[in-house]
C-alpha atoms as a PDB file:
ATOM      1  CA  MET A   1      57.624 128.391  80.167  1.00  0.00           C
ATOM      2  CA  LYS A   2      58.211 124.736  79.343  1.00  0.00           C
ATOM      3  CA  GLN A   3      60.182 124.099  76.143  1.00  0.00           C
ATOM      4  CA  LYS A   4      61.354 120.812  74.640  1.00  0.00           C
ATOM      5  CA  ILE A   5      65.022 119.982  74.201  1.00  0.00           C
ATOM      6  CA  THR A   6      65.818 119.674  70.499  1.00  0.00           C
ATOM      7  CA  ASP A   7      69.609 119.219  70.624  1.00  0.00           C
ATOM      8  CA  PHE A   8      72.781 119.833  72.641  1.00  0.00           C
ATOM      9  CA  GLU A   9      75.958 121.846  72.086  1.00  0.00           C
ATOM     10  CA  LYS A  10      79.045 122.837  74.043  1.00  0.00           C
ATOM     11  CA  ASP A  11      79.790 126.431  75.014  1.00  0.00           C
ATOM     12  CA  ASP A  12      83.187 128.159  74.814  1.00  0.00           C
ATOM     13  CA  GLU A  13      84.154 126.690  78.200  1.00  0.00           C
ATOM     14  CA  ASP A  14      83.312 123.102  77.140  1.00  0.00           C
ATOM     15  CA  HIS A  15      80.076 122.939  79.174  1.00  0.00           C
ATOM     16  CA  TRP A  16      76.986 121.263  77.704  1.00  0.00           C
ATOM     17  CA  ARG A  17      73.919 123.343  76.845  1.00  0.00           C
ATOM     18  CA  ALA A  18      70.503 122.123  75.800  1.00  0.00           C
ATOM     19  CA  ILE A  19      69.073 123.812  72.713  1.00  0.00           C
ATOM     20  CA  LEU A  20      65.375 124.380  73.310  1.00  0.00           C
ATOM     21  CA  ALA A  21      62.504 124.482  70.794  1.00  0.00           C
ATOM     22  CA  CYS A  22      62.189 128.238  71.375  1.00  0.00           C
ATOM     23  CA  GLY A  23      65.799 128.739  70.237  1.00  0.00           C
ATOM     24  CA  HIS A  24      67.163 129.583  73.682  1.00  0.00           C
ATOM     25  CA  ARG A  25      69.940 127.593  75.287  1.00  0.00           C
ATOM     26  CA  GLN A  26      70.226 126.312  78.840  1.00  0.00           C
ATOM     27  CA  HIS A  27      73.245 124.820  80.574  1.00  0.00           C
ATOM     28  CA  VAL A  28      72.850 121.227  81.739  1.00  0.00           C
ATOM     29  CA  ARG A  29      76.039 120.727  83.721  1.00  0.00           C
ATOM     30  CA  HIS A  30      77.092 117.688  85.678  1.00  0.00           C
ATOM     31  CA  ASP A  31      78.601 119.451  88.705  1.00  0.00           C
ATOM     32  CA  PRO A  32      78.528 117.159  91.739  1.00  0.00           C
ATOM     33  CA  PRO A  33      77.687 117.416  94.559  1.00  0.00           C
ATOM     34  CA  MET A  34      75.451 120.377  93.698  1.00  0.00           C
ATOM     35  CA  THR A  35      74.034 118.971  90.461  1.00  0.00           C
ATOM     36  CA  SER A  36      74.214 115.359  89.360  1.00  0.00           C
ATOM     37  CA  ARG A  37      73.491 114.849  85.665  1.00  0.00           C
ATOM     38  CA  LEU A  38      75.620 111.885  84.652  1.00  0.00           C
ATOM     39  CA  TRP A  39      73.482 111.507  81.520  1.00  0.00           C
ATOM     40  CA  VAL A  40      74.979 114.685  80.031  1.00  0.00           C
ATOM     41  CA  LEU A  41      78.425 113.086  79.864  1.00  0.00           C
ATOM     42  CA  THR A  42      77.541 110.574  77.116  1.00  0.00           C
ATOM     43  CA  GLU A  43      75.983 110.937  73.706  1.00  0.00           C
ATOM     44  CA  GLU A  44      73.537 108.166  74.548  1.00  0.00           C
ATOM     45  CA  GLY A  45      72.497 110.015  77.707  1.00  0.00           C
ATOM     46  CA  ARG A  46      71.982 113.308  75.890  1.00  0.00           C
ATOM     47  CA  THR A  47      70.046 111.621  73.085  1.00  0.00           C
ATOM     48  CA  SER A  48      67.731 110.072  75.688  1.00  0.00           C
ATOM     49  CA  ARG A  49      66.758 113.582  76.813  1.00  0.00           C
ATOM     50  CA  ILE A  50      65.707 114.924  73.382  1.00  0.00           C
ATOM     51  CA  GLY A  51      62.053 115.963  73.708  1.00  0.00           C
ATOM     52  CA  VAL A  52      62.203 116.403  77.495  1.00  0.00           C
ATOM     53  CA  GLU A  53      60.798 119.744  78.634  1.00  0.00           C
ATOM     54  CA  LEU A  54      62.838 122.246  80.611  1.00  0.00           C
ATOM     55  CA  ASP A  55      61.622 125.481  82.136  1.00  0.00           C
ATOM     56  CA  CYS A  56      62.997 128.265  79.903  1.00  0.00           C
ATOM     57  CA  LYS A  57      63.663 131.257  82.138  1.00  0.00           C
ATOM     58  CA  ARG A  58      64.357 133.499  79.142  1.00  0.00           C
ATOM     59  CA  CYS A  59      60.894 132.802  77.702  1.00  0.00           C
ATOM     60  CA  ASP A  60      59.393 133.556  81.134  1.00  0.00           C
ATOM     61  CA  GLU A  61      61.221 136.911  81.215  1.00  0.00           C
ATOM     62  CA  ASP A  62      60.270 137.957  77.670  1.00  0.00           C
ATOM     63  CA  PRO A  63      57.086 140.085  77.721  1.00  0.00           C
ATOM     64  CA  ALA A  64      56.377 139.076  74.098  1.00  0.00           C
ATOM     65  CA  ASN A  65      55.491 135.574  75.389  1.00  0.00           C
ATOM     66  CA  GLU A  66      52.631 136.774  77.569  1.00  0.00           C
END
């Protein structure tokens, strides 16, 4: 289920997570060469992604959302 990014936070291991409108969190790591997300490394880059929709796997798995 698509959910908009409302904010970002770091986890206990210093990795960035997007906070989604549904309240779930999703990691948005920059981990080259597998995943390239240079935008996550700067505040300006993260701010530019507020409002972008991500597919929330937890919402998809929750039967209450059907």
